[in-house]
Amino acid sequence: MRRRVLPDQMEMRPPFRLDGLVVDFADRVATVDGKQVALSATEYKLLYELSTNAGRVLTHDQILQNVWGAEYAGEHELVRSFIRNLRRKLGDDARNPRFVLTEPQVGYRMPRPGA
């Protein structure tokens, strides 16, 4: 059921904009400083979860549930690996991130635009 509703919700959301990053939900496209970022379907789902929850910390388990499903519970290294790849593709530096912030021992978050 959620998968049927989610695409319609994505199309109605305005694009997410943060410091040069734009996530266009209608077209399922991400750009950084005007250049399109090539993302896998899973990387896009991860970016979608982080951007639509900007300002809130998502735990490793919440990310696993929302992006991969219940069968991946406890696979925190999978999240870390995809976050590393996503940061690399976005040109984000883990030591001084602009887009994906680490909450040690908890999970990740994106800053709320304008905050």
PDB file of N, CA and C in Angstrom:
ATOM      1  N   MET A   1       0.817  -1.191   0.000  1.00  0.00           N
ATOM      2  CA  MET A   1       0.000   0.000   0.000  1.00  0.00           C
ATOM      3  C   MET A   1       0.862   1.257   0.000  1.00  0.00           C
ATOM      4  N   ARG A   2       1.879   1.295   0.855  1.00  0.00           N
ATOM      5  CA  ARG A   2       2.726   2.481   0.964  1.00  0.00           C
ATOM      6  C   ARG A   2       3.396   2.800  -0.371  1.00  0.00           C
ATOM      7  N   ARG A   3       3.817   1.777  -1.095  1.00  0.00           N
ATOM      8  CA  ARG A   3       4.508   2.002  -2.355  1.00  0.00           C
ATOM      9  C   ARG A   3       3.596   2.623  -3.401  1.00  0.00           C
ATOM     10  N   ARG A   4       2.295   2.345  -3.311  1.00  0.00           N
ATOM     11  CA  ARG A   4       1.356   2.950  -4.250  1.00  0.00           C
ATOM     12  C   ARG A   4       1.111   4.416  -3.921  1.00  0.00           C
ATOM     13  N   VAL A   5       1.094   4.755  -2.660  1.00  0.00           N
ATOM     14  CA  VAL A   5       0.813   6.131  -2.241  1.00  0.00           C
ATOM     15  C   VAL A   5       2.050   7.006  -2.384  1.00  0.00           C
ATOM     16  N   LEU A   6       3.200   6.483  -2.055  1.00  0.00           N
ATOM     17  CA  LEU A   6       4.439   7.260  -2.001  1.00  0.00           C
ATOM     18  C   LEU A   6       4.760   7.998  -3.298  1.00  0.00           C
ATOM     19  N   PRO A   7       4.675   7.387  -4.496  1.00  0.00           N
ATOM     20  CA  PRO A   7       5.010   8.152  -5.697  1.00  0.00           C
ATOM     21  C   PRO A   7       4.140   9.385  -5.884  1.00  0.00           C
ATOM     22  N   ASP A   8       2.849   9.294  -5.579  1.00  0.00           N
ATOM     23  CA  ASP A   8       1.982  10.467  -5.711  1.00  0.00           C
ATOM     24  C   ASP A   8       2.387  11.566  -4.740  1.00  0.00           C
ATOM     25  N   GLN A   9       2.751  11.183  -3.510  1.00  0.00           N
ATOM     26  CA  GLN A   9       3.183  12.155  -2.524  1.00  0.00           C
ATOM     27  C   GLN A   9       4.464  12.834  -2.971  1.00  0.00           C
ATOM     28  N   MET A  10       5.373  12.076  -3.550  1.00  0.00           N
ATOM     29  CA  MET A  10       6.637  12.646  -3.991  1.00  0.00           C
ATOM     30  C   MET A  10       6.408  13.691  -5.076  1.00  0.00           C
ATOM     31  N   GLU A  11       5.505  13.422  -5.996  1.00  0.00           N
ATOM     32  CA  GLU A  11       5.265  14.346  -7.085  1.00  0.00           C
ATOM     33  C   GLU A  11       4.686  15.664  -6.597  1.00  0.00           C
ATOM     34  N   MET A  12       3.943  15.644  -5.504  1.00  0.00           N
ATOM     35  CA  MET A  12       3.295  16.850  -5.012  1.00  0.00           C
ATOM     36  C   MET A  12       4.205  17.696  -4.120  1.00  0.00           C
ATOM     37  N   ARG A  13       5.277  17.136  -3.653  1.00  0.00           N
ATOM     38  CA  ARG A  13       6.185  17.893  -2.789  1.00  0.00           C
ATOM     39  C   ARG A  13       6.996  18.889  -3.617  1.00  0.00           C
ATOM     40  N   PRO A  14       7.211  20.075  -3.079  1.00  0.00           N
ATOM     41  CA  PRO A  14       8.130  20.991  -3.764  1.00  0.00           C
ATOM     42  C   PRO A  14       9.555  20.450  -3.643  1.00  0.00           C
ATOM     43  N   PRO A  15      10.434  20.845  -4.544  1.00  0.00           N
ATOM     44  CA  PRO A  15      11.820  20.377  -4.451  1.00  0.00           C
ATOM     45  C   PRO A  15      12.454  20.774  -3.118  1.00  0.00           C
ATOM     46  N   PHE A  16      13.323  19.907  -2.634  1.00  0.00           N
ATOM     47  CA  PHE A  16      14.101  20.158  -1.421  1.00  0.00           C
ATOM     48  C   PHE A  16      15.361  20.897  -1.853  1.00  0.00           C
ATOM     49  N   ARG A  17      15.663  22.015  -1.188  1.00  0.00           N
ATOM     50  CA  ARG A  17      16.843  22.827  -1.543  1.00  0.00           C
ATOM     51  C   ARG A  17      17.673  23.081  -0.296  1.00  0.00           C
ATOM     52  N   LEU A  18      18.967  22.749  -0.400  1.00  0.00           N
ATOM     53  CA  LEU A  18      19.877  22.945   0.722  1.00  0.00           C
ATOM     54  C   LEU A  18      21.283  23.189   0.207  1.00  0.00           C
ATOM     55  N   ASP A  19      21.759  24.416   0.317  1.00  0.00           N
ATOM     56  CA  ASP A  19      23.162  24.746   0.044  1.00  0.00           C
ATOM     57  C   ASP A  19      23.681  24.160  -1.273  1.00  0.00           C
ATOM     58  N   GLY A  20      22.944  24.350  -2.356  1.00  0.00           N
ATOM     59  CA  GLY A  20      23.375  23.856  -3.665  1.00  0.00           C
ATOM     60  C   GLY A  20      22.806  22.500  -4.040  1.00  0.00           C
ATOM     61  N   LEU A  21      22.254  21.786  -3.080  1.00  0.00           N
ATOM     62  CA  LEU A  21      21.615  20.500  -3.350  1.00  0.00           C
ATOM     63  C   LEU A  21      20.130  20.734  -3.626  1.00  0.00           C
ATOM     64  N   VAL A  22      19.637  20.160  -4.710  1.00  0.00           N
ATOM     65  CA  VAL A  22      18.214  20.206  -5.025  1.00  0.00           C
ATOM     66  C   VAL A  22      17.763  18.771  -5.285  1.00  0.00           C
ATOM     67  N   VAL A  23      16.721  18.366  -4.561  1.00  0.00           N
ATOM     68  CA  VAL A  23      16.108  17.062  -4.801  1.00  0.00           C
ATOM     69  C   VAL A  23      14.732  17.343  -5.385  1.00  0.00           C
ATOM     70  N   ASP A  24      14.572  17.017  -6.658  1.00  0.00           N
ATOM     71  CA  ASP A  24      13.306  17.223  -7.361  1.00  0.00           C
ATOM     72  C   ASP A  24      12.514  15.925  -7.256  1.00  0.00           C
ATOM     73  N   PHE A  25      11.531  15.911  -6.359  1.00  0.00           N
ATOM     74  CA  PHE A  25      10.773  14.692  -6.083  1.00  0.00           C
ATOM     75  C   PHE A  25       9.918  14.266  -7.270  1.00  0.00           C
ATOM     76  N   ALA A  26       9.397  15.224  -8.022  1.00  0.00           N
ATOM     77  CA  ALA A  26       8.538  14.890  -9.165  1.00  0.00           C
ATOM     78  C   ALA A  26       9.317  14.123 -10.225  1.00  0.00           C
ATOM     79  N   ASP A  27      10.556  14.536 -10.475  1.00  0.00           N
ATOM     80  CA  ASP A  27      11.379  13.892 -11.497  1.00  0.00           C
ATOM     81  C   ASP A  27      12.345  12.856 -10.935  1.00  0.00           C
ATOM     82  N   ARG A  28      12.368  12.726  -9.597  1.00  0.00           N
ATOM     83  CA  ARG A  28      13.280  11.776  -8.932  1.00  0.00           C
ATOM     84  C   ARG A  28      14.740  12.032  -9.345  1.00  0.00           C
ATOM     85  N   VAL A  29      15.117  13.315  -9.285  1.00  0.00           N
ATOM     86  CA  VAL A  29      16.441  13.736  -9.708  1.00  0.00           C
ATOM     87  C   VAL A  29      17.060  14.592  -8.615  1.00  0.00           C
ATOM     88  N   ALA A  30      18.362  14.399  -8.414  1.00  0.00           N
ATOM     89  CA  ALA A  30      19.112  15.241  -7.483  1.00  0.00           C
ATOM     90  C   ALA A  30      20.201  15.966  -8.261  1.00  0.00           C
ATOM     91  N   THR A  31      20.392  17.246  -7.926  1.00  0.00           N
ATOM     92  CA  THR A  31      21.478  18.016  -8.521  1.00  0.00           C
ATOM     93  C   THR A  31      22.246  18.712  -7.405  1.00  0.00           C
ATOM     94  N   VAL A  32      23.520  18.908  -7.654  1.00  0.00           N
ATOM     95  CA  VAL A  32      24.368  19.681  -6.756  1.00  0.00           C
ATOM     96  C   VAL A  32      25.018  20.764  -7.599  1.00  0.00           C
ATOM     97  N   ASP A  33      24.792  22.011  -7.211  1.00  0.00           N
ATOM     98  CA  ASP A  33      25.309  23.166  -7.941  1.00  0.00           C
ATOM     99  C   ASP A  33      24.968  23.076  -9.433  1.00  0.00           C
ATOM    100  N   GLY A  34      23.745  22.622  -9.722  1.00  0.00           N
ATOM    101  CA  GLY A  34      23.249  22.561 -11.090  1.00  0.00           C
ATOM    102  C   GLY A  34      23.639  21.328 -11.878  1.00  0.00           C
ATOM    103  N   LYS A  35      24.454  20.452 -11.311  1.00  0.00           N
ATOM    104  CA  LYS A  35      24.890  19.243 -12.024  1.00  0.00           C
ATOM    105  C   LYS A  35      24.139  18.038 -11.480  1.00  0.00           C
ATOM    106  N   GLN A  36      23.561  17.266 -12.400  1.00  0.00           N
ATOM    107  CA  GLN A  36      22.803  16.090 -11.987  1.00  0.00           C
ATOM    108  C   GLN A  36      23.726  15.042 -11.371  1.00  0.00           C
ATOM    109  N   VAL A  37      23.247  14.431 -10.298  1.00  0.00           N
ATOM    110  CA  VAL A  37      23.990  13.399  -9.586  1.00  0.00           C
ATOM    111  C   VAL A  37      23.393  12.043  -9.968  1.00  0.00           C
ATOM    112  N   ALA A  38      24.233  11.138 -10.454  1.00  0.00           N
ATOM    113  CA  ALA A  38      23.773   9.799 -10.831  1.00  0.00           C
ATOM    114  C   ALA A  38      23.619   8.954  -9.571  1.00  0.00           C
ATOM    115  N   LEU A  39      22.383   8.628  -9.237  1.00  0.00           N
ATOM    116  CA  LEU A  39      22.094   7.850  -8.030  1.00  0.00           C
ATOM    117  C   LEU A  39      21.408   6.544  -8.404  1.00  0.00           C
ATOM    118  N   SER A  40      21.747   5.491  -7.674  1.00  0.00           N
ATOM    119  CA  SER A  40      21.006   4.243  -7.819  1.00  0.00           C
ATOM    120  C   SER A  40      19.625   4.443  -7.199  1.00  0.00           C
ATOM    121  N   ALA A  41      18.725   3.515  -7.455  1.00  0.00           N
ATOM    122  CA  ALA A  41      17.386   3.606  -6.873  1.00  0.00           C
ATOM    123  C   ALA A  41      17.460   3.627  -5.351  1.00  0.00           C
ATOM    124  N   THR A  42      18.327   2.822  -4.769  1.00  0.00           N
ATOM    125  CA  THR A  42      18.458   2.768  -3.312  1.00  0.00           C
ATOM    126  C   THR A  42      19.070   4.050  -2.763  1.00  0.00           C
ATOM    127  N   GLU A  43      20.065   4.591  -3.446  1.00  0.00           N
ATOM    128  CA  GLU A  43      20.658   5.855  -3.009  1.00  0.00           C
ATOM    129  C   GLU A  43      19.625   6.972  -3.048  1.00  0.00           C
ATOM    130  N   TYR A  44      18.775   6.977  -4.080  1.00  0.00           N
ATOM    131  CA  TYR A  44      17.723   7.985  -4.151  1.00  0.00           C
ATOM    132  C   TYR A  44      16.735   7.813  -2.995  1.00  0.00           C
ATOM    133  N   LYS A  45      16.352   6.580  -2.691  1.00  0.00           N
ATOM    134  CA  LYS A  45      15.427   6.335  -1.580  1.00  0.00           C
ATOM    135  C   LYS A  45      16.030   6.821  -0.268  1.00  0.00           C
ATOM    136  N   LEU A  46      17.322   6.600  -0.085  1.00  0.00           N
ATOM    137  CA  LEU A  46      18.010   7.066   1.119  1.00  0.00           C
ATOM    138  C   LEU A  46      17.998   8.598   1.172  1.00  0.00           C
ATOM    139  N   LEU A  47      18.316   9.239   0.071  1.00  0.00           N
ATOM    140  CA  LEU A  47      18.294  10.700   0.006  1.00  0.00           C
ATOM    141  C   LEU A  47      16.879  11.227   0.227  1.00  0.00           C
ATOM    142  N   TYR A  48      15.896  10.547  -0.324  1.00  0.00           N
ATOM    143  CA  TYR A  48      14.499  10.926  -0.128  1.00  0.00           C
ATOM    144  C   TYR A  48      14.138  10.901   1.358  1.00  0.00           C
ATOM    145  N   GLU A  49      14.472   9.819   2.045  1.00  0.00           N
ATOM    146  CA  GLU A  49      14.163   9.700   3.473  1.00  0.00           C
ATOM    147  C   GLU A  49      14.835  10.802   4.279  1.00  0.00           C
ATOM    148  N   LEU A  50      16.104  11.053   4.007  1.00  0.00           N
ATOM    149  CA  LEU A  50      16.829  12.084   4.751  1.00  0.00           C
ATOM    150  C   LEU A  50      16.268  13.477   4.473  1.00  0.00           C
ATOM    151  N   SER A  51      15.997  13.777   3.206  1.00  0.00           N
ATOM    152  CA  SER A  51      15.553  15.126   2.850  1.00  0.00           C
ATOM    153  C   SER A  51      14.113  15.392   3.296  1.00  0.00           C
ATOM    154  N   THR A  52      13.245  14.408   3.223  1.00  0.00           N
ATOM    155  CA  THR A  52      11.860  14.629   3.650  1.00  0.00           C
ATOM    156  C   THR A  52      11.732  14.653   5.170  1.00  0.00           C
ATOM    157  N   ASN A  53      12.785  14.258   5.862  1.00  0.00           N
ATOM    158  CA  ASN A  53      12.823  14.319   7.325  1.00  0.00           C
ATOM    159  C   ASN A  53      13.890  15.297   7.805  1.00  0.00           C
ATOM    160  N   ALA A  54      14.238  16.273   6.963  1.00  0.00           N
ATOM    161  CA  ALA A  54      15.302  17.225   7.291  1.00  0.00           C
ATOM    162  C   ALA A  54      15.039  17.876   8.649  1.00  0.00           C
ATOM    163  N   GLY A  55      16.109  17.965   9.422  1.00  0.00           N
ATOM    164  CA  GLY A  55      16.021  18.534  10.766  1.00  0.00           C
ATOM    165  C   GLY A  55      15.798  17.484  11.831  1.00  0.00           C
ATOM    166  N   ARG A  56      15.391  16.282  11.433  1.00  0.00           N
ATOM    167  CA  ARG A  56      15.167  15.187  12.383  1.00  0.00           C
ATOM    168  C   ARG A  56      16.234  14.122  12.219  1.00  0.00           C
ATOM    169  N   VAL A  57      16.641  13.561  13.335  1.00  0.00           N
ATOM    170  CA  VAL A  57      17.600  12.454  13.300  1.00  0.00           C
ATOM    171  C   VAL A  57      16.847  11.180  12.961  1.00  0.00           C
ATOM    172  N   LEU A  58      17.355  10.455  11.978  1.00  0.00           N
ATOM    173  CA  LEU A  58      16.829   9.137  11.658  1.00  0.00           C
ATOM    174  C   LEU A  58      17.826   8.106  12.169  1.00  0.00           C
ATOM    175  N   THR A  59      17.356   7.175  12.955  1.00  0.00           N
ATOM    176  CA  THR A  59      18.243   6.141  13.479  1.00  0.00           C
ATOM    177  C   THR A  59      18.609   5.174  12.360  1.00  0.00           C
ATOM    178  N   HIS A  60      19.662   4.412  12.607  1.00  0.00           N
ATOM    179  CA  HIS A  60      20.046   3.382  11.645  1.00  0.00           C
ATOM    180  C   HIS A  60      18.858   2.461  11.365  1.00  0.00           C
ATOM    181  N   ASP A  61      18.154   2.066  12.424  1.00  0.00           N
ATOM    182  CA  ASP A  61      17.022   1.152  12.260  1.00  0.00           C
ATOM    183  C   ASP A  61      15.868   1.779  11.479  1.00  0.00           C
ATOM    184  N   GLN A  62      15.593   3.055  11.703  1.00  0.00           N
ATOM    185  CA  GLN A  62      14.542   3.729  10.926  1.00  0.00           C
ATOM    186  C   GLN A  62      14.909   3.771   9.446  1.00  0.00           C
ATOM    187  N   ILE A  63      16.164   4.081   9.168  1.00  0.00           N
ATOM    188  CA  ILE A  63      16.620   4.133   7.779  1.00  0.00           C
ATOM    189  C   ILE A  63      16.519   2.752   7.138  1.00  0.00           C
ATOM    190  N   LEU A  64      16.982   1.733   7.845  1.00  0.00           N
ATOM    191  CA  LEU A  64      16.886   0.371   7.309  1.00  0.00           C
ATOM    192  C   LEU A  64      15.445  -0.002   7.007  1.00  0.00           C
ATOM    193  N   GLN A  65      14.555   0.268   7.926  1.00  0.00           N
ATOM    194  CA  GLN A  65      13.139  -0.070   7.750  1.00  0.00           C
ATOM    195  C   GLN A  65      12.546   0.664   6.551  1.00  0.00           C
ATOM    196  N   ASN A  66      12.805   1.964   6.452  1.00  0.00           N
ATOM    197  CA  ASN A  66      12.181   2.785   5.416  1.00  0.00           C
ATOM    198  C   ASN A  66      12.786   2.606   4.034  1.00  0.00           C
ATOM    199  N   VAL A  67      14.070   2.294   3.970  1.00  0.00           N
ATOM    200  CA  VAL A  67      14.739   2.181   2.675  1.00  0.00           C
ATOM    201  C   VAL A  67      14.814   0.726   2.205  1.00  0.00           C
ATOM    202  N   TRP A  68      15.166  -0.184   3.102  1.00  0.00           N
ATOM    203  CA  TRP A  68      15.375  -1.572   2.702  1.00  0.00           C
ATOM    204  C   TRP A  68      14.262  -2.524   3.149  1.00  0.00           C
ATOM    205  N   GLY A  69      13.614  -2.241   4.255  1.00  0.00           N
ATOM    206  CA  GLY A  69      12.558  -3.114   4.752  1.00  0.00           C
ATOM    207  C   GLY A  69      12.972  -3.866   5.999  1.00  0.00           C
ATOM    208  N   ALA A  70      11.985  -4.464   6.652  1.00  0.00           N
ATOM    209  CA  ALA A  70      12.176  -5.116   7.950  1.00  0.00           C
ATOM    210  C   ALA A  70      13.196  -6.250   7.910  1.00  0.00           C
ATOM    211  N   GLU A  71      13.337  -6.901   6.778  1.00  0.00           N
ATOM    212  CA  GLU A  71      14.262  -8.041   6.707  1.00  0.00           C
ATOM    213  C   GLU A  71      15.733  -7.636   6.861  1.00  0.00           C
ATOM    214  N   TYR A  72      16.029  -6.351   6.825  1.00  0.00           N
ATOM    215  CA  TYR A  72      17.406  -5.865   6.981  1.00  0.00           C
ATOM    216  C   TYR A  72      17.684  -5.309   8.373  1.00  0.00           C
ATOM    217  N   ALA A  73      16.812  -5.558   9.320  1.00  0.00           N
ATOM    218  CA  ALA A  73      16.988  -5.052  10.690  1.00  0.00           C
ATOM    219  C   ALA A  73      18.362  -5.431  11.225  1.00  0.00           C
ATOM    220  N   GLY A  74      19.030  -4.456  11.823  1.00  0.00           N
ATOM    221  CA  GLY A  74      20.330  -4.683  12.436  1.00  0.00           C
ATOM    222  C   GLY A  74      21.514  -4.565  11.494  1.00  0.00           C
ATOM    223  N   GLU A  75      21.280  -4.349  10.212  1.00  0.00           N
ATOM    224  CA  GLU A  75      22.366  -4.258   9.220  1.00  0.00           C
ATOM    225  C   GLU A  75      22.907  -2.828   9.141  1.00  0.00           C
ATOM    226  N   HIS A  76      23.412  -2.327  10.241  1.00  0.00           N
ATOM    227  CA  HIS A  76      23.854  -0.928  10.308  1.00  0.00           C
ATOM    228  C   HIS A  76      25.003  -0.631   9.358  1.00  0.00           C
ATOM    229  N   GLU A  77      25.860  -1.602   9.096  1.00  0.00           N
ATOM    230  CA  GLU A  77      26.983  -1.369   8.179  1.00  0.00           C
ATOM    231  C   GLU A  77      26.478  -1.100   6.759  1.00  0.00           C
ATOM    232  N   LEU A  78      25.348  -1.676   6.404  1.00  0.00           N
ATOM    233  CA  LEU A  78      24.749  -1.406   5.096  1.00  0.00           C
ATOM    234  C   LEU A  78      24.399   0.078   4.979  1.00  0.00           C
ATOM    235  N   VAL A  79      23.805   0.632   6.024  1.00  0.00           N
ATOM    236  CA  VAL A  79      23.469   2.066   6.033  1.00  0.00           C
ATOM    237  C   VAL A  79      24.743   2.888   5.922  1.00  0.00           C
ATOM    238  N   ARG A  80      25.740   2.561   6.721  1.00  0.00           N
ATOM    239  CA  ARG A  80      27.006   3.325   6.697  1.00  0.00           C
ATOM    240  C   ARG A  80      27.633   3.306   5.303  1.00  0.00           C
ATOM    241  N   SER A  81      27.619   2.155   4.671  1.00  0.00           N
ATOM    242  CA  SER A  81      28.192   2.018   3.335  1.00  0.00           C
ATOM    243  C   SER A  81      27.459   2.884   2.318  1.00  0.00           C
ATOM    244  N   PHE A  82      26.133   2.865   2.351  1.00  0.00           N
ATOM    245  CA  PHE A  82      25.360   3.682   1.414  1.00  0.00           C
ATOM    246  C   PHE A  82      25.509   5.169   1.718  1.00  0.00           C
ATOM    247  N   ILE A  83      25.611   5.529   2.982  1.00  0.00           N
ATOM    248  CA  ILE A  83      25.832   6.937   3.344  1.00  0.00           C
ATOM    249  C   ILE A  83      27.179   7.395   2.783  1.00  0.00           C
ATOM    250  N   ARG A  84      28.216   6.568   2.931  1.00  0.00           N
ATOM    251  CA  ARG A  84      29.539   6.910   2.367  1.00  0.00           C
ATOM    252  C   ARG A  84      29.438   7.171   0.869  1.00  0.00           C
ATOM    253  N   ASN A  85      28.766   6.270   0.150  1.00  0.00           N
ATOM    254  CA  ASN A  85      28.624   6.427  -1.302  1.00  0.00           C
ATOM    255  C   ASN A  85      27.801   7.661  -1.658  1.00  0.00           C
ATOM    256  N   LEU A  86      26.723   7.879  -0.924  1.00  0.00           N
ATOM    257  CA  LEU A  86      25.887   9.041  -1.182  1.00  0.00           C
ATOM    258  C   LEU A  86      26.666  10.329  -0.954  1.00  0.00           C
ATOM    259  N   ARG A  87      27.399  10.392   0.142  1.00  0.00           N
ATOM    260  CA  ARG A  87      28.213  11.585   0.409  1.00  0.00           C
ATOM    261  C   ARG A  87      29.219  11.823  -0.706  1.00  0.00           C
ATOM    262  N   ARG A  88      29.875  10.765  -1.144  1.00  0.00           N
ATOM    263  CA  ARG A  88      30.875  10.887  -2.215  1.00  0.00           C
ATOM    264  C   ARG A  88      30.223  11.451  -3.474  1.00  0.00           C
ATOM    265  N   LYS A  89      29.072  10.913  -3.842  1.00  0.00           N
ATOM    266  CA  LYS A  89      28.392  11.372  -5.054  1.00  0.00           C
ATOM    267  C   LYS A  89      27.898  12.814  -4.932  1.00  0.00           C
ATOM    268  N   LEU A  90      27.514  13.217  -3.737  1.00  0.00           N
ATOM    269  CA  LEU A  90      27.052  14.591  -3.520  1.00  0.00           C
ATOM    270  C   LEU A  90      28.205  15.575  -3.334  1.00  0.00           C
ATOM    271  N   GLY A  91      29.436  15.051  -3.236  1.00  0.00           N
ATOM    272  CA  GLY A  91      30.591  15.913  -2.994  1.00  0.00           C
ATOM    273  C   GLY A  91      30.652  16.385  -1.561  1.00  0.00           C
ATOM    274  N   ASP A  92      30.051  15.610  -0.660  1.00  0.00           N
ATOM    275  CA  ASP A  92      29.997  15.960   0.760  1.00  0.00           C
ATOM    276  C   ASP A  92      31.202  15.354   1.477  1.00  0.00           C
ATOM    277  N   ASP A  93      31.738  16.068   2.432  1.00  0.00           N
ATOM    278  CA  ASP A  93      32.891  15.627   3.208  1.00  0.00           C
ATOM    279  C   ASP A  93      32.415  15.215   4.599  1.00  0.00           C
ATOM    280  N   ALA A  94      32.660  13.965   4.971  1.00  0.00           N
ATOM    281  CA  ALA A  94      32.191  13.458   6.271  1.00  0.00           C
ATOM    282  C   ALA A  94      32.771  14.255   7.437  1.00  0.00           C
ATOM    283  N   ARG A  95      33.963  14.822   7.269  1.00  0.00           N
ATOM    284  CA  ARG A  95      34.587  15.597   8.356  1.00  0.00           C
ATOM    285  C   ARG A  95      33.976  16.985   8.507  1.00  0.00           C
ATOM    286  N   ASN A  96      33.441  17.504   7.422  1.00  0.00           N
ATOM    287  CA  ASN A  96      32.821  18.825   7.433  1.00  0.00           C
ATOM    288  C   ASN A  96      31.606  18.799   6.500  1.00  0.00           C
ATOM    289  N   PRO A  97      30.570  18.049   6.867  1.00  0.00           N
ATOM    290  CA  PRO A  97      29.458  17.826   5.935  1.00  0.00           C
ATOM    291  C   PRO A  97      28.545  19.027   5.772  1.00  0.00           C
ATOM    292  N   ARG A  98      28.023  19.153   4.551  1.00  0.00           N
ATOM    293  CA  ARG A  98      27.010  20.173   4.247  1.00  0.00           C
ATOM    294  C   ARG A  98      25.627  19.553   4.213  1.00  0.00           C
ATOM    295  N   PHE A  99      25.554  18.296   3.775  1.00  0.00           N
ATOM    296  CA  PHE A  99      24.260  17.687   3.493  1.00  0.00           C
ATOM    297  C   PHE A  99      23.867  16.579   4.471  1.00  0.00           C
ATOM    298  N   VAL A 100      24.725  15.613   4.666  1.00  0.00           N
ATOM    299  CA  VAL A 100      24.389  14.454   5.501  1.00  0.00           C
ATOM    300  C   VAL A 100      25.239  14.500   6.770  1.00  0.00           C
ATOM    301  N   LEU A 101      24.581  14.760   7.886  1.00  0.00           N
ATOM    302  CA  LEU A 101      25.264  14.890   9.169  1.00  0.00           C
ATOM    303  C   LEU A 101      25.149  13.589   9.957  1.00  0.00           C
ATOM    304  N   THR A 102      26.231  13.225  10.629  1.00  0.00           N
ATOM    305  CA  THR A 102      26.245  12.019  11.454  1.00  0.00           C
ATOM    306  C   THR A 102      25.853  12.361  12.878  1.00  0.00           C
ATOM    307  N   GLU A 103      24.973  11.564  13.435  1.00  0.00           N
ATOM    308  CA  GLU A 103      24.657  11.633  14.857  1.00  0.00           C
ATOM    309  C   GLU A 103      25.288  10.385  15.465  1.00  0.00           C
ATOM    310  N   PRO A 104      26.480  10.536  16.083  1.00  0.00           N
ATOM    311  CA  PRO A 104      27.236   9.375  16.552  1.00  0.00           C
ATOM    312  C   PRO A 104      26.399   8.414  17.401  1.00  0.00           C
ATOM    313  N   GLN A 105      26.553   7.146  17.087  1.00  0.00           N
ATOM    314  CA  GLN A 105      25.889   6.049  17.791  1.00  0.00           C
ATOM    315  C   GLN A 105      24.371   6.047  17.619  1.00  0.00           C
ATOM    316  N   VAL A 106      23.845   6.928  16.743  1.00  0.00           N
ATOM    317  CA  VAL A 106      22.391   7.009  16.574  1.00  0.00           C
ATOM    318  C   VAL A 106      22.002   6.818  15.114  1.00  0.00           C
ATOM    319  N   GLY A 107      22.474   7.717  14.243  1.00  0.00           N
ATOM    320  CA  GLY A 107      22.087   7.661  12.840  1.00  0.00           C
ATOM    321  C   GLY A 107      22.548   8.886  12.079  1.00  0.00           C
ATOM    322  N   TYR A 108      21.661   9.417  11.235  1.00  0.00           N
ATOM    323  CA  TYR A 108      22.012  10.529  10.352  1.00  0.00           C
ATOM    324  C   TYR A 108      20.847  11.498  10.250  1.00  0.00           C
ATOM    325  N   ARG A 109      21.184  12.715   9.807  1.00  0.00           N
ATOM    326  CA  ARG A 109      20.153  13.711   9.550  1.00  0.00           C
ATOM    327  C   ARG A 109      20.665  14.686   8.493  1.00  0.00           C
ATOM    328  N   MET A 110      19.720  15.360   7.885  1.00  0.00           N
ATOM    329  CA  MET A 110      20.050  16.482   6.998  1.00  0.00           C
ATOM    330  C   MET A 110      19.598  17.740   7.723  1.00  0.00           C
ATOM    331  N   PRO A 111      20.337  18.824   7.559  1.00  0.00           N
ATOM    332  CA  PRO A 111      19.892  20.085   8.158  1.00  0.00           C
ATOM    333  C   PRO A 111      18.584  20.540   7.516  1.00  0.00           C
ATOM    334  N   ARG A 112      17.776  21.219   8.282  1.00  0.00           N
ATOM    335  CA  ARG A 112      16.547  21.808   7.755  1.00  0.00           C
ATOM    336  C   ARG A 112      16.949  23.037   6.947  1.00  0.00           C
ATOM    337  N   PRO A 113      16.469  23.175   5.713  1.00  0.00           N
ATOM    338  CA  PRO A 113      16.820  24.364   4.915  1.00  0.00           C
ATOM    339  C   PRO A 113      16.460  25.643   5.649  1.00  0.00           C
ATOM    340  N   GLY A 114      17.358  26.596   5.584  1.00  0.00           N
ATOM    341  CA  GLY A 114      17.125  27.876   6.216  1.00  0.00           C
ATOM    342  C   GLY A 114      17.425  27.918   7.701  1.00  0.00           C
ATOM    343  N   ALA A 115      17.828  26.795   8.261  1.00  0.00           N
ATOM    344  CA  ALA A 115      18.100  26.756   9.703  1.00  0.00           C
ATOM    345  C   ALA A 115      19.541  27.093  10.009  1.00  0.00           C
TER     346      ALA A 115
END
